Amino acid sequence: MKEKRAIDFSAYKPGTIKRRIDLRLLDTGMPDCNAYYRHLSADPAEIDLLLNALTINVSRFFRNPLVFEILKEQILPTLIDTSPPGGLRIWCAGCARGEEAYSIAILLKEISPAVAATVPAFILATDIDRSALTFAASASYRDEALTEVKKAVLEKYFIAENNGYRLTEEIRSMVTFAWHDLATSQPPKEGIFSNYHLILCRNTLIYFKPELGERTMEFLSGVLADGGCLVLGEAEAVPSRLHRDLREAIPRTRIFRKEVA
């Protein structure tokens, strides 16, 4: 995978990797890993199927509604009020199929259309799975991804299709999707800057070995602007050595604010 797709999974938790390789063995009918390796080497298409199995793309709009409610009512209004002339810079790292990034775009519109028009927001959404990014850019989703979407929001920002719903161009145009490997601890080149005001990295670091997870967390803290917020998944935590820099903005929310230096 590192040679063919430039993605190094060696720092991911081995148990997770093994379970997902076992799924490909089952699907391909291979008796063991040696046989599967020969199959993988002979069939380039299997590389993409393995990549899809190794990357986690399960998500939905407004997943964990309480987090998004707090973002809408408290975090985003504060960031907007203190935003620099260039506007807000937001990064969704490990965006999967784009539901989270589009959810943030909808929140910005819902806070105040007038504010959204006067305070520009650059929303960058990245992932290592190119097929997931292609899906995200299409902005078309099945009903199961919309279970947490309120009826008024559905009617305002989604257009019904035969097999689900498609986001309006107003929301689609607010998000830029790009390929990026978070494990490299390098900023995505599409961002062209650091100092993000809001970074969402939810349910991605749990698949990293502890050393890589801590290194990635330190990197994310480094590209977060003073006063900016980092949103983690429910099972993720900030390493103790970063507690001085990142304080939980609201208890038990996994939303951390970077202290002003």
Protein backbone atom coordinates (compact mmCIF):
# COMPACT_ATOMS: atom_id res chain seq x y z
CA MET A 1 0.00 0.00 0.00
CA LYS A 2 2.87 2.34 0.73
CA GLU A 3 4.51 1.55 -2.60
CA LYS A 4 1.35 1.61 -4.74
CA ARG A 5 -0.73 4.30 -3.02
CA ALA A 6 1.84 6.26 -0.97
CA ILE A 7 -0.02 5.52 2.27
CA ASP A 8 1.87 4.09 5.23
CA PHE A 9 -0.41 2.02 7.46
CA SER A 10 2.44 0.72 9.63
CA ALA A 11 1.62 3.20 12.41
CA TYR A 12 -2.05 2.21 12.54
CA LYS A 13 -3.26 -0.15 15.25
CA PRO A 14 -2.44 -3.68 14.02
CA GLY A 15 -5.66 -5.20 15.36
CA THR A 16 -7.74 -2.87 13.17
CA ILE A 17 -5.59 -3.58 10.12
CA LYS A 18 -5.79 -7.36 10.64
CA ARG A 19 -9.58 -7.35 10.99
CA ARG A 20 -9.99 -5.45 7.73
CA ILE A 21 -7.52 -7.63 5.84
CA ASP A 22 -9.44 -10.66 7.12
CA LEU A 23 -12.56 -9.20 5.51
CA ARG A 24 -10.79 -9.06 2.16
CA LEU A 25 -9.61 -12.66 2.58
CA LEU A 26 -13.21 -13.65 3.18
CA ASP A 27 -14.53 -11.68 0.21
CA THR A 28 -11.87 -13.00 -2.17
CA GLY A 29 -11.93 -16.57 -0.93
CA MET A 30 -8.21 -16.54 -0.14
CA PRO A 31 -7.18 -19.19 2.45
CA ASP A 32 -4.43 -17.12 4.10
CA CYS A 33 -2.42 -13.89 3.88
CA ASN A 34 0.24 -15.41 1.62
CA ALA A 35 -2.38 -16.37 -0.94
CA TYR A 36 -4.02 -12.97 -0.59
CA TYR A 37 -0.68 -11.22 -1.14
CA ARG A 38 -0.23 -13.10 -4.40
CA HIS A 39 -3.77 -12.16 -5.41
CA LEU A 40 -3.13 -8.53 -4.47
CA SER A 41 0.08 -8.45 -6.51
CA ALA A 42 -1.64 -9.90 -9.57
CA ASP A 43 -4.82 -7.80 -9.48
CA PRO A 44 -4.31 -4.00 -9.30
CA ALA A 45 -8.04 -3.46 -8.75
CA GLU A 46 -7.76 -5.32 -5.43
CA ILE A 47 -5.44 -2.59 -4.15
CA ASP A 48 -8.29 -0.10 -4.25
CA LEU A 49 -10.67 -2.58 -2.65
CA LEU A 50 -8.17 -3.14 0.17
CA LEU A 51 -7.69 0.60 0.59
CA ASN A 52 -11.44 1.02 0.87
CA ALA A 53 -11.51 -1.71 3.54
CA LEU A 54 -8.65 -0.13 5.51
CA THR A 55 -10.15 3.36 5.57
CA ILE A 56 -13.20 4.07 7.68
CA ASN A 57 -15.92 6.00 5.84
CA VAL A 58 -18.90 5.53 8.12
CA SER A 59 -20.45 8.88 8.99
CA ARG A 60 -23.63 10.90 8.76
CA PHE A 61 -24.74 14.51 8.91
CA PHE A 62 -24.61 16.08 12.38
CA ARG A 63 -23.24 12.91 13.96
CA ASN A 64 -23.39 13.38 17.75
CA PRO A 65 -26.00 16.20 17.56
CA LEU A 66 -25.00 17.75 20.91
CA VAL A 67 -21.53 18.58 19.54
CA PHE A 68 -23.01 20.35 16.54
CA GLU A 69 -25.54 22.18 18.71
CA ILE A 70 -22.70 23.55 20.85
CA LEU A 71 -20.74 24.49 17.73
CA LYS A 72 -23.76 26.39 16.42
CA GLU A 73 -24.78 28.11 19.64
CA GLN A 74 -21.41 28.86 21.28
CA ILE A 75 -18.24 28.00 19.38
CA LEU A 76 -18.89 29.30 15.85
CA PRO A 77 -20.49 32.61 16.95
CA THR A 78 -17.42 33.33 19.09
CA LEU A 79 -15.05 32.45 16.26
CA ILE A 80 -17.04 34.65 13.87
CA ASP A 81 -16.98 37.60 16.29
CA THR A 82 -13.19 37.34 16.63
CA SER A 83 -12.43 36.36 13.04
CA PRO A 84 -9.66 38.22 11.17
CA PRO A 85 -10.42 40.25 8.01
CA GLY A 86 -9.77 37.21 5.82
CA GLY A 87 -12.52 35.21 7.51
CA LEU A 88 -12.62 31.78 9.14
CA ARG A 89 -10.33 28.90 8.21
CA ILE A 90 -11.82 25.50 8.97
CA TRP A 91 -10.29 22.06 8.41
CA CYS A 92 -12.15 18.75 8.56
CA ALA A 93 -9.37 16.14 8.76
CA GLY A 94 -10.43 12.58 7.88
CA CYS A 95 -13.66 13.83 6.32
CA ALA A 96 -14.73 10.44 4.86
CA ARG A 97 -17.66 11.11 2.51
CA GLY A 98 -18.07 14.77 3.42
CA GLU A 99 -21.04 14.73 5.78
CA GLU A 100 -19.18 16.50 8.59
CA ALA A 101 -17.77 19.26 6.38
CA TYR A 102 -21.15 19.95 4.81
CA SER A 103 -22.73 19.95 8.28
CA ILE A 104 -20.36 22.77 9.28
CA ALA A 105 -21.24 24.70 6.11
CA ILE A 106 -24.93 24.37 6.97
CA LEU A 107 -24.31 25.59 10.52
CA LEU A 108 -22.57 28.70 9.22
CA LYS A 109 -25.59 29.47 7.04
CA GLU A 110 -28.00 28.77 9.88
CA ILE A 111 -26.25 31.03 12.38
CA SER A 112 -27.06 34.09 10.27
CA PRO A 113 -27.26 34.45 6.50
CA ALA A 114 -26.10 38.06 6.85
CA VAL A 115 -23.06 37.05 8.89
CA ALA A 116 -22.28 34.22 6.48
CA ALA A 117 -22.24 36.74 3.64
CA THR A 118 -19.93 39.21 5.38
CA VAL A 119 -17.59 36.76 7.14
CA PRO A 120 -16.13 34.40 4.51
CA ALA A 121 -15.24 30.88 5.52
CA PHE A 122 -12.73 28.56 3.86
CA ILE A 123 -13.70 24.96 4.65
CA LEU A 124 -11.10 22.37 3.69
CA ALA A 125 -12.07 18.69 3.95
CA THR A 126 -9.37 16.03 3.50
CA ASP A 127 -9.08 12.24 3.50
CA ILE A 128 -6.74 9.49 2.29
CA ASP A 129 -9.51 7.67 0.42
CA ARG A 130 -9.85 9.16 -3.05
CA SER A 131 -13.08 7.29 -3.78
CA ALA A 132 -14.64 8.77 -0.63
CA LEU A 133 -13.57 12.26 -1.77
CA THR A 134 -15.15 11.68 -5.18
CA PHE A 135 -18.36 10.62 -3.45
CA ALA A 136 -18.23 13.70 -1.20
CA ALA A 137 -17.81 16.07 -4.14
CA SER A 138 -20.97 14.64 -5.74
CA ALA A 139 -22.90 15.80 -2.63
CA SER A 140 -25.56 13.10 -3.09
CA TYR A 141 -26.58 11.00 -0.08
CA ARG A 142 -28.93 8.18 0.85
CA ASP A 143 -31.50 8.49 3.62
CA GLU A 144 -29.33 6.70 6.21
CA ALA A 145 -26.82 9.57 6.18
CA LEU A 146 -29.57 12.08 6.99
CA THR A 147 -31.14 10.57 10.11
CA GLU A 148 -29.97 13.48 12.30
CA VAL A 149 -30.98 16.23 9.84
CA LYS A 150 -33.92 18.32 11.02
CA LYS A 151 -36.87 18.65 8.63
CA ALA A 152 -36.44 22.41 8.17
CA VAL A 153 -32.75 21.99 7.33
CA LEU A 154 -33.55 19.15 4.93
CA GLU A 155 -36.08 21.28 3.07
CA LYS A 156 -33.77 24.30 2.91
CA TYR A 157 -30.45 22.76 1.87
CA PHE A 158 -31.27 19.42 0.18
CA ILE A 159 -32.96 18.53 -3.11
CA ALA A 160 -34.83 15.25 -3.32
CA GLU A 161 -33.54 12.70 -5.85
CA ASN A 162 -34.66 9.20 -6.83
CA ASN A 163 -32.26 7.47 -4.42
CA GLY A 164 -31.91 10.12 -1.71
CA TYR A 165 -30.97 13.78 -1.56
CA ARG A 166 -28.46 16.15 -3.12
CA LEU A 167 -27.12 19.26 -1.39
CA THR A 168 -27.84 22.65 -2.89
CA GLU A 169 -25.04 24.36 -4.80
CA GLU A 170 -24.98 27.05 -2.10
CA ILE A 171 -23.66 24.49 0.42
CA ARG A 172 -21.60 22.43 -2.03
CA SER A 173 -19.61 25.48 -3.10
CA MET A 174 -18.53 26.24 0.48
CA VAL A 175 -16.36 23.11 0.83
CA THR A 176 -13.05 22.26 -0.87
CA PHE A 177 -12.14 18.55 -0.90
CA ALA A 178 -8.53 17.36 -1.19
CA TRP A 179 -6.45 14.23 -0.68
CA HIS A 180 -4.24 14.25 2.41
CA ASP A 181 -2.60 11.70 4.69
CA LEU A 182 -2.97 12.97 8.25
CA ALA A 183 -0.35 10.48 9.48
CA THR A 184 2.41 12.44 7.72
CA SER A 185 1.97 15.38 10.15
CA GLN A 186 2.29 17.73 7.19
CA PRO A 187 -0.33 20.38 6.41
CA PRO A 188 -2.45 19.87 3.30
CA LYS A 189 -1.04 21.92 0.44
CA GLU A 190 -4.52 23.11 -0.55
CA GLY A 191 -4.71 25.02 2.72
CA ILE A 192 -1.75 27.24 1.73
CA PHE A 193 -1.65 28.38 5.36
CA SER A 194 -1.75 27.14 8.91
CA ASN A 195 -3.52 28.84 11.82
CA TYR A 196 -6.92 27.22 11.38
CA HIS A 197 -9.65 28.66 13.58
CA LEU A 198 -11.53 25.34 13.77
CA ILE A 199 -10.23 21.81 13.19
CA LEU A 200 -12.47 18.76 13.33
CA CYS A 201 -10.61 15.46 13.61
CA ARG A 202 -13.19 13.06 14.97
CA ASN A 203 -12.87 9.28 15.18
CA THR A 204 -9.67 9.15 13.14
CA LEU A 205 -6.90 9.13 15.76
CA ILE A 206 -8.44 6.08 17.46
CA TYR A 207 -7.04 3.98 14.61
CA PHE A 208 -3.46 5.22 15.15
CA LYS A 209 -0.90 3.64 17.44
CA PRO A 210 -0.36 5.80 20.57
CA GLU A 211 2.93 7.27 19.32
CA LEU A 212 1.43 8.38 16.01
CA GLY A 213 -1.72 9.61 17.74
CA GLU A 214 0.26 11.86 20.08
CA ARG A 215 2.48 13.13 17.27
CA THR A 216 -0.57 13.93 15.15
CA MET A 217 -2.28 15.70 18.04
CA GLU A 218 0.81 17.84 18.58
CA PHE A 219 0.82 18.68 14.86
CA LEU A 220 -2.87 19.66 14.94
CA SER A 221 -2.23 21.90 17.95
CA GLY A 222 0.59 23.54 16.03
CA VAL A 223 -1.59 24.49 13.04
CA LEU A 224 -4.45 25.71 15.24
CA ALA A 225 -4.70 29.48 15.72
CA ASP A 226 -4.59 30.94 19.22
CA GLY A 227 -8.16 30.93 20.51
CA GLY A 228 -9.14 28.35 17.88
CA CYS A 229 -10.92 25.09 18.64
CA LEU A 230 -10.09 21.43 18.02
CA VAL A 231 -12.98 18.94 17.98
CA LEU A 232 -12.16 15.28 18.69
CA GLY A 233 -14.23 12.11 18.78
CA GLU A 234 -15.82 10.81 21.97
CA ALA A 235 -13.11 8.17 22.50
CA GLU A 236 -10.18 10.51 21.80
CA ALA A 237 -8.24 12.66 24.25
CA VAL A 238 -5.52 15.30 24.31
CA PRO A 239 -2.12 14.03 25.56
CA SER A 240 -1.20 15.29 29.03
CA ARG A 241 1.75 17.31 27.74
CA LEU A 242 -0.66 19.42 25.65
CA HIS A 243 -3.11 20.15 28.47
CA ARG A 244 -1.52 23.55 29.03
CA ASP A 245 -2.15 24.52 25.40
CA LEU A 246 -5.49 22.84 24.78
CA ARG A 247 -8.26 23.20 27.35
CA GLU A 248 -11.69 21.62 26.99
CA ALA A 249 -13.96 24.57 26.18
CA ILE A 250 -17.05 22.86 27.56
CA PRO A 251 -16.76 19.81 29.84
CA ARG A 252 -17.30 16.37 28.29
CA THR A 253 -17.73 17.69 24.76
CA ARG A 254 -14.26 16.90 23.36
CA ILE A 255 -14.11 20.49 22.06
CA PHE A 256 -10.76 21.99 23.03
CA ARG A 257 -9.76 25.64 22.80
CA LYS A 258 -6.13 26.64 22.22
CA GLU A 259 -4.93 29.04 24.87
CA VAL A 260 -3.73 32.42 23.63
CA ALA A 261 0.06 32.54 23.88
